[in-house]
N, C-alpha and C. Protein backbone atom coordinates (compact mmCIF):
# COMPACT_ATOMS: atom_id res chain seq x y z
N UNK A 1 94.00 91.13 80.83
CA UNK A 1 95.21 90.50 81.47
C UNK A 1 96.14 91.78 81.89
N UNK A 2 96.31 92.68 81.04
CA UNK A 2 97.14 93.82 81.35
C UNK A 2 96.64 94.54 82.52
N UNK A 3 95.30 94.71 82.56
CA UNK A 3 94.73 95.38 83.78
C UNK A 3 94.96 94.60 85.10
N UNK A 4 94.83 93.37 84.97
CA UNK A 4 95.07 92.52 86.19
C UNK A 4 96.54 92.59 86.70
N UNK A 5 97.55 92.54 85.70
CA UNK A 5 98.93 92.65 86.10
C UNK A 5 99.17 94.03 86.72
N UNK A 6 98.68 95.06 86.08
CA UNK A 6 98.99 96.39 86.61
C UNK A 6 98.21 96.57 87.97
N UNK A 7 97.03 96.08 88.15
CA UNK A 7 96.33 96.17 89.42
C UNK A 7 97.01 95.48 90.46
N UNK A 8 97.47 94.29 90.22
CA UNK A 8 98.17 93.49 91.27
C UNK A 8 99.52 94.15 91.61
N UNK A 9 100.30 94.56 90.75
CA UNK A 9 101.51 95.30 91.05
C UNK A 9 101.23 96.69 91.63
N UNK A 10 100.28 97.33 91.31
CA UNK A 10 99.93 98.56 91.90
C UNK A 10 99.44 98.39 93.36
N UNK A 11 98.78 97.35 93.60
CA UNK A 11 98.37 97.06 95.04
C UNK A 11 99.62 96.78 95.83
N UNK A 12 100.50 95.97 95.30
CA UNK A 12 101.79 95.83 95.99
C UNK A 12 102.53 97.01 96.21
N UNK A 13 102.60 98.02 95.27
CA UNK A 13 103.26 99.33 95.48
C UNK A 13 102.54 100.05 96.59
N UNK A 14 101.28 100.02 96.53
CA UNK A 14 100.53 100.73 97.60
C UNK A 14 100.87 100.20 99.00
N UNK A 15 100.93 98.89 99.24
CA UNK A 15 101.25 98.33 100.49
C UNK A 15 102.66 98.76 100.89
N UNK A 16 103.57 98.77 99.97
CA UNK A 16 105.02 99.14 100.29
C UNK A 16 104.93 100.63 100.78
N UNK A 17 104.35 101.46 99.88
CA UNK A 17 104.42 102.95 100.09
C UNK A 17 103.73 103.29 101.49
N UNK A 18 102.53 102.70 101.77
CA UNK A 18 101.88 103.10 102.90
C UNK A 18 102.11 102.26 104.24
N UNK A 19 103.25 101.48 104.10
CA UNK A 19 103.62 100.78 105.31
C UNK A 19 104.53 101.67 106.11
N UNK A 20 104.13 102.23 107.25
CA UNK A 20 104.86 103.22 107.93
C UNK A 20 106.19 102.66 108.69
N UNK A 21 106.26 101.48 108.91
CA UNK A 21 107.41 100.94 109.57
C UNK A 21 108.69 100.76 108.68
N UNK A 22 108.49 100.87 107.30
CA UNK A 22 109.63 100.56 106.45
C UNK A 22 110.32 102.00 106.21
N UNK A 23 111.71 101.83 106.05
CA UNK A 23 112.50 102.99 105.88
C UNK A 23 112.31 103.41 104.42
N UNK A 24 112.63 104.77 104.13
CA UNK A 24 112.43 105.22 102.78
C UNK A 24 113.34 104.46 101.73
N UNK A 25 114.50 104.03 102.19
CA UNK A 25 115.44 103.31 101.41
C UNK A 25 114.82 101.88 100.99
N UNK A 26 114.27 101.31 101.94
CA UNK A 26 113.69 99.95 101.71
C UNK A 26 112.37 100.05 100.92
N UNK A 27 111.73 101.17 101.07
CA UNK A 27 110.53 101.39 100.22
C UNK A 27 110.90 101.56 98.77
N UNK A 28 111.92 102.36 98.62
CA UNK A 28 112.41 102.56 97.23
C UNK A 28 112.93 101.31 96.58
N UNK A 29 113.63 100.50 97.34
CA UNK A 29 114.19 99.30 96.74
C UNK A 29 113.05 98.28 96.47
N UNK A 30 112.07 98.19 97.30
CA UNK A 30 110.92 97.24 97.04
C UNK A 30 110.12 97.73 95.93
N UNK A 31 109.91 99.11 95.78
CA UNK A 31 109.18 99.76 94.74
C UNK A 31 109.82 99.34 93.44
N UNK A 32 111.11 99.56 93.38
CA UNK A 32 111.90 99.24 92.14
C UNK A 32 111.81 97.80 91.78
N UNK A 33 111.82 96.91 92.73
CA UNK A 33 111.67 95.42 92.41
C UNK A 33 110.29 95.18 91.90
N UNK A 34 109.24 95.77 92.46
CA UNK A 34 107.91 95.53 92.01
C UNK A 34 107.79 96.00 90.63
N UNK A 35 108.33 97.17 90.28
CA UNK A 35 108.22 97.74 88.89
C UNK A 35 108.96 96.91 87.88
N UNK A 36 110.12 96.39 88.33
CA UNK A 36 110.95 95.54 87.46
C UNK A 36 110.15 94.20 87.22
N UNK A 37 109.54 93.71 88.27
CA UNK A 37 108.65 92.52 88.11
C UNK A 37 107.53 92.73 87.15
N UNK A 38 106.94 93.93 87.24
CA UNK A 38 105.79 94.25 86.30
C UNK A 38 106.30 94.30 84.83
N UNK A 39 107.46 95.01 84.72
CA UNK A 39 107.98 95.18 83.35
C UNK A 39 108.34 93.79 82.71
N UNK A 40 108.89 92.90 83.54
CA UNK A 40 109.26 91.55 83.09
C UNK A 40 107.92 90.69 82.73
N UNK A 41 106.94 90.80 83.58
CA UNK A 41 105.65 90.02 83.31
C UNK A 41 104.98 90.57 82.00
N UNK A 42 104.95 91.86 81.88
CA UNK A 42 104.38 92.47 80.67
C UNK A 42 105.24 91.99 79.44
N UNK A 43 106.49 92.13 79.42
CA UNK A 43 107.35 91.66 78.40
C UNK A 43 107.13 90.27 78.05
N UNK A 44 107.21 89.38 79.00
CA UNK A 44 107.19 87.96 78.79
C UNK A 44 105.80 87.35 78.47
N UNK A 45 104.75 87.80 79.21
CA UNK A 45 103.48 87.21 79.11
C UNK A 45 102.45 87.90 78.22
N UNK A 46 102.65 89.14 78.15
CA UNK A 46 101.70 89.91 77.38
C UNK A 46 102.30 90.21 75.90
N UNK A 47 103.53 90.75 75.91
CA UNK A 47 104.06 91.02 74.58
C UNK A 47 104.81 89.77 73.99
N UNK A 48 105.06 88.79 74.92
CA UNK A 48 105.72 87.48 74.46
C UNK A 48 107.03 87.80 73.67
N UNK A 49 107.80 88.73 74.36
CA UNK A 49 109.23 89.01 73.85
C UNK A 49 110.12 88.36 74.85
N UNK A 50 111.39 88.36 74.52
CA UNK A 50 112.41 87.78 75.37
C UNK A 50 112.63 86.33 74.98
N UNK A 51 113.83 85.88 75.28
CA UNK A 51 114.24 84.53 74.80
C UNK A 51 113.44 83.43 75.49
N UNK A 52 112.92 83.56 76.58
CA UNK A 52 112.22 82.53 77.36
C UNK A 52 110.74 82.56 77.22
N UNK A 53 110.16 83.50 76.51
CA UNK A 53 108.71 83.71 76.32
C UNK A 53 108.25 82.60 75.34
N UNK A 54 107.14 81.99 75.58
CA UNK A 54 106.56 80.98 74.84
C UNK A 54 105.74 81.78 73.65
N UNK A 55 106.08 81.67 72.40
CA UNK A 55 105.51 82.40 71.33
C UNK A 55 104.38 81.48 70.76
N UNK A 56 104.47 80.14 70.84
CA UNK A 56 103.38 79.35 70.41
C UNK A 56 103.58 77.95 70.95
N UNK A 57 102.39 77.17 70.82
CA UNK A 57 102.39 75.87 71.45
C UNK A 57 101.62 75.01 70.38
N UNK A 58 102.25 73.86 70.05
CA UNK A 58 101.60 72.93 69.11
C UNK A 58 101.37 71.61 69.95
N UNK A 59 100.09 71.18 69.89
CA UNK A 59 99.78 69.99 70.60
C UNK A 59 100.14 68.76 69.77
N UNK A 60 100.95 67.84 70.22
CA UNK A 60 101.37 66.69 69.43
C UNK A 60 100.58 65.50 69.77
N UNK A 61 99.80 65.46 70.81
CA UNK A 61 99.05 64.34 71.19
C UNK A 61 99.85 63.69 72.48
N UNK A 62 99.02 62.82 73.17
CA UNK A 62 99.59 62.03 74.21
C UNK A 62 100.21 62.93 75.34
N UNK A 63 99.77 64.11 75.48
CA UNK A 63 100.38 65.02 76.49
C UNK A 63 101.64 65.72 76.06
N UNK A 64 101.97 65.57 74.88
CA UNK A 64 103.19 66.15 74.36
C UNK A 64 102.93 67.43 73.63
N UNK A 65 103.76 68.45 73.84
CA UNK A 65 103.59 69.73 73.22
C UNK A 65 105.03 70.18 72.70
N UNK A 66 104.86 70.95 71.53
CA UNK A 66 106.14 71.59 71.00
C UNK A 66 105.92 72.99 71.14
N UNK A 67 106.88 73.71 71.88
CA UNK A 67 106.84 75.12 72.10
C UNK A 67 107.85 75.88 71.18
N UNK A 68 107.39 77.07 70.73
CA UNK A 68 108.25 77.87 69.96
C UNK A 68 108.64 78.98 70.96
N UNK A 69 109.87 79.14 71.33
CA UNK A 69 110.33 80.21 72.30
C UNK A 69 110.71 81.48 71.62
N UNK A 70 110.83 82.50 72.37
CA UNK A 70 111.11 83.78 71.93
C UNK A 70 112.51 83.95 71.22
N UNK A 71 113.44 83.11 71.56
CA UNK A 71 114.80 83.10 70.84
C UNK A 71 114.77 82.28 69.57
N UNK A 72 113.65 81.84 69.20
CA UNK A 72 113.52 81.12 67.83
C UNK A 72 113.68 79.56 67.98
N UNK A 73 114.03 79.13 69.22
CA UNK A 73 114.29 77.64 69.37
C UNK A 73 112.93 76.95 69.58
N UNK A 74 112.89 75.72 69.30
CA UNK A 74 111.80 74.82 69.67
C UNK A 74 112.13 73.95 70.92
N UNK A 75 111.12 73.62 71.64
CA UNK A 75 111.39 72.78 72.88
C UNK A 75 110.24 71.87 72.98
N UNK A 76 110.55 70.64 73.23
CA UNK A 76 109.54 69.62 73.56
C UNK A 76 109.21 69.77 75.06
N UNK A 77 107.84 69.59 75.26
CA UNK A 77 107.44 69.88 76.65
C UNK A 77 106.13 69.05 76.96
N UNK A 78 105.96 68.88 78.37
CA UNK A 78 104.75 68.23 78.78
C UNK A 78 103.93 69.26 79.55
N UNK A 79 102.70 69.19 79.51
CA UNK A 79 101.76 70.04 80.14
C UNK A 79 101.82 69.60 81.65
N UNK A 80 102.33 70.57 82.54
CA UNK A 80 102.38 70.19 83.91
C UNK A 80 101.27 70.59 84.68
N UNK A 81 100.51 71.72 84.29
CA UNK A 81 99.32 72.21 84.98
C UNK A 81 98.64 73.22 84.02
N UNK A 82 97.32 73.28 84.14
CA UNK A 82 96.58 74.28 83.39
C UNK A 82 95.42 74.86 84.27
N UNK A 83 95.11 76.14 84.02
CA UNK A 83 94.02 76.64 84.62
C UNK A 83 93.00 77.10 83.42
N UNK A 84 91.81 76.55 83.42
CA UNK A 84 90.94 76.75 82.29
C UNK A 84 89.63 77.52 82.79
N UNK A 85 89.63 78.79 82.23
CA UNK A 85 88.40 79.67 82.55
C UNK A 85 87.76 80.03 81.29
N UNK A 86 86.57 80.44 81.33
CA UNK A 86 85.84 80.82 80.01
C UNK A 86 86.62 82.00 79.25
N UNK A 87 87.19 82.89 80.02
CA UNK A 87 87.90 84.05 79.43
C UNK A 87 89.48 83.94 79.31
N UNK A 88 89.93 82.88 79.97
CA UNK A 88 91.35 82.75 80.07
C UNK A 88 91.86 81.25 80.20
N UNK A 89 93.00 81.01 79.56
CA UNK A 89 93.59 79.69 79.74
C UNK A 89 95.07 80.01 80.01
N UNK A 90 95.58 79.35 81.23
CA UNK A 90 97.02 79.44 81.57
C UNK A 90 97.50 78.08 81.57
N UNK A 91 98.61 77.85 80.83
CA UNK A 91 99.23 76.60 80.64
C UNK A 91 100.62 76.68 81.17
N UNK A 92 101.00 75.67 82.04
CA UNK A 92 102.29 75.63 82.65
C UNK A 92 103.00 74.36 82.05
N UNK A 93 104.07 74.53 81.38
CA UNK A 93 104.73 73.42 80.79
C UNK A 93 106.06 73.15 81.50
N UNK A 94 106.42 71.79 81.49
CA UNK A 94 107.67 71.29 81.89
C UNK A 94 108.61 70.95 80.88
N UNK A 95 109.73 71.48 80.79
CA UNK A 95 110.65 71.28 79.75
C UNK A 95 111.77 70.28 80.16
N UNK A 96 111.68 69.83 81.34
CA UNK A 96 112.74 68.79 81.87
C UNK A 96 113.80 69.59 82.59
N UNK A 97 114.53 68.91 83.29
CA UNK A 97 115.69 69.42 84.11
C UNK A 97 115.25 70.65 84.94
N UNK A 98 114.01 70.62 85.44
CA UNK A 98 113.58 71.72 86.29
C UNK A 98 113.07 72.95 85.53
N UNK A 99 113.19 72.93 84.27
CA UNK A 99 112.85 74.20 83.50
C UNK A 99 111.33 74.18 83.22
N UNK A 100 110.61 75.37 83.52
CA UNK A 100 109.21 75.44 83.25
C UNK A 100 108.94 76.73 82.44
N UNK A 101 107.86 76.72 81.71
CA UNK A 101 107.49 77.88 80.94
C UNK A 101 105.94 78.02 81.08
N UNK A 102 105.43 79.20 81.02
CA UNK A 102 103.95 79.43 81.08
C UNK A 102 103.55 80.19 79.81
N UNK A 103 102.30 79.88 79.51
CA UNK A 103 101.69 80.48 78.35
C UNK A 103 100.26 80.90 78.80
N UNK A 104 99.98 82.19 78.71
CA UNK A 104 98.59 82.79 79.17
C UNK A 104 97.89 83.14 77.83
N UNK A 105 96.68 82.56 77.73
CA UNK A 105 95.94 82.85 76.44
C UNK A 105 94.60 83.45 76.83
N UNK A 106 94.40 84.67 76.67
CA UNK A 106 93.12 85.25 76.91
C UNK A 106 92.16 84.89 75.72
N UNK A 107 90.82 84.97 76.03
CA UNK A 107 89.89 84.58 74.97
C UNK A 107 90.11 85.34 73.72
N UNK A 108 90.43 86.59 73.69
CA UNK A 108 90.54 87.42 72.48
C UNK A 108 91.85 87.15 71.75
N UNK A 109 92.68 86.28 72.18
CA UNK A 109 93.99 86.08 71.57
C UNK A 109 93.85 85.02 70.46
N UNK A 110 92.69 84.14 70.48
CA UNK A 110 92.35 83.31 69.55
C UNK A 110 90.99 83.47 68.91
N UNK A 111 90.66 82.86 67.77
CA UNK A 111 89.36 82.95 67.31
C UNK A 111 88.52 82.09 68.41
N UNK A 112 87.28 82.61 68.53
CA UNK A 112 86.40 82.05 69.65
C UNK A 112 86.32 80.58 69.63
N UNK A 113 86.17 79.93 68.48
CA UNK A 113 86.03 78.50 68.37
C UNK A 113 87.36 77.84 68.76
N UNK A 114 88.42 78.36 68.37
CA UNK A 114 89.78 77.83 68.74
C UNK A 114 90.03 77.78 70.13
N UNK A 115 89.60 78.91 70.84
CA UNK A 115 89.73 79.08 72.31
C UNK A 115 88.85 77.99 73.00
N UNK A 116 87.73 77.81 72.49
CA UNK A 116 86.78 76.83 73.06
C UNK A 116 87.27 75.41 72.94
N UNK A 117 87.87 75.08 71.70
CA UNK A 117 88.45 73.85 71.44
C UNK A 117 89.58 73.51 72.41
N UNK A 118 90.44 74.59 72.62
CA UNK A 118 91.56 74.38 73.49
C UNK A 118 91.10 74.02 74.96
N UNK A 119 90.13 74.86 75.41
CA UNK A 119 89.57 74.63 76.80
C UNK A 119 89.04 73.21 76.89
N UNK A 120 88.27 72.67 75.84
CA UNK A 120 87.75 71.42 75.89
C UNK A 120 88.92 70.33 75.95
N UNK A 121 89.90 70.52 75.11
CA UNK A 121 91.06 69.63 75.01
C UNK A 121 91.70 69.53 76.43
N UNK A 122 91.93 70.67 77.01
CA UNK A 122 92.61 70.66 78.33
C UNK A 122 91.88 70.08 79.48
N UNK A 123 90.44 70.32 79.42
CA UNK A 123 89.58 69.76 80.49
C UNK A 123 89.51 68.25 80.30
N UNK A 124 89.50 67.80 79.01
CA UNK A 124 89.40 66.38 78.64
C UNK A 124 90.66 65.60 79.15
N UNK A 125 91.80 66.30 78.93
CA UNK A 125 93.04 65.72 79.24
C UNK A 125 93.19 65.54 80.75
N UNK A 126 92.69 66.60 81.51
CA UNK A 126 92.77 66.58 82.90
C UNK A 126 91.80 65.52 83.47
N UNK A 127 90.76 65.31 82.84
CA UNK A 127 89.76 64.27 83.26
C UNK A 127 90.19 62.90 83.05
N UNK A 128 91.16 62.61 82.20
CA UNK A 128 91.70 61.29 81.91
C UNK A 128 92.96 60.87 82.74
N UNK A 129 93.46 61.81 83.58
CA UNK A 129 94.60 61.58 84.34
C UNK A 129 94.22 61.49 85.74
N UNK A 130 95.02 60.66 86.58
CA UNK A 130 94.80 60.64 87.97
C UNK A 130 95.36 61.87 88.64
N UNK A 131 94.68 62.41 89.55
CA UNK A 131 95.18 63.64 90.14
C UNK A 131 94.94 64.86 89.24
N UNK A 132 93.75 65.36 89.25
CA UNK A 132 93.34 66.42 88.30
C UNK A 132 94.37 67.62 88.32
N UNK A 133 94.94 67.83 87.10
CA UNK A 133 96.05 68.91 87.06
C UNK A 133 95.48 70.23 86.57
N UNK A 134 94.30 70.17 86.20
CA UNK A 134 93.67 71.42 85.70
C UNK A 134 92.63 71.98 86.77
N UNK A 135 92.63 73.33 86.86
CA UNK A 135 91.65 73.98 87.68
C UNK A 135 90.48 74.48 86.73
N UNK A 136 89.35 74.29 87.17
CA UNK A 136 88.23 74.80 86.31
C UNK A 136 87.56 75.88 87.04
N UNK A 137 87.38 76.89 86.34
CA UNK A 137 86.73 78.12 87.03
C UNK A 137 85.39 78.39 86.19
N UNK A 138 84.39 78.64 86.86
CA UNK A 138 83.12 78.97 86.14
C UNK A 138 82.52 80.19 86.76
């Protein structure tokens, strides 16, 4: 996951740096914004630091989840969308009033059987709803 984040942000930096029509000031500003975005993504989704980072998610059943956030508070949430891949699960939660949080779970973040059970649960939930909310990658 870290490699993917760095590669994507690195590609964006390369585009900015090697675009000849941009002024040096604009290039510097865009490069700074890309690096700040990378730092924020690493802090929130990889290190799970910061007050809005999802530290854990507990499935309560019937589409309800309890999230533990980085600031120590709990939040009730509904799963809005998920991407389920053999090596990666991305869960997008809706907390109400337009607030959303994401949780990225690479395969090595959980025991192998727990990661498999989570993927099966998410795919089963998506299959029982109208309008498939999960994307399945194979």
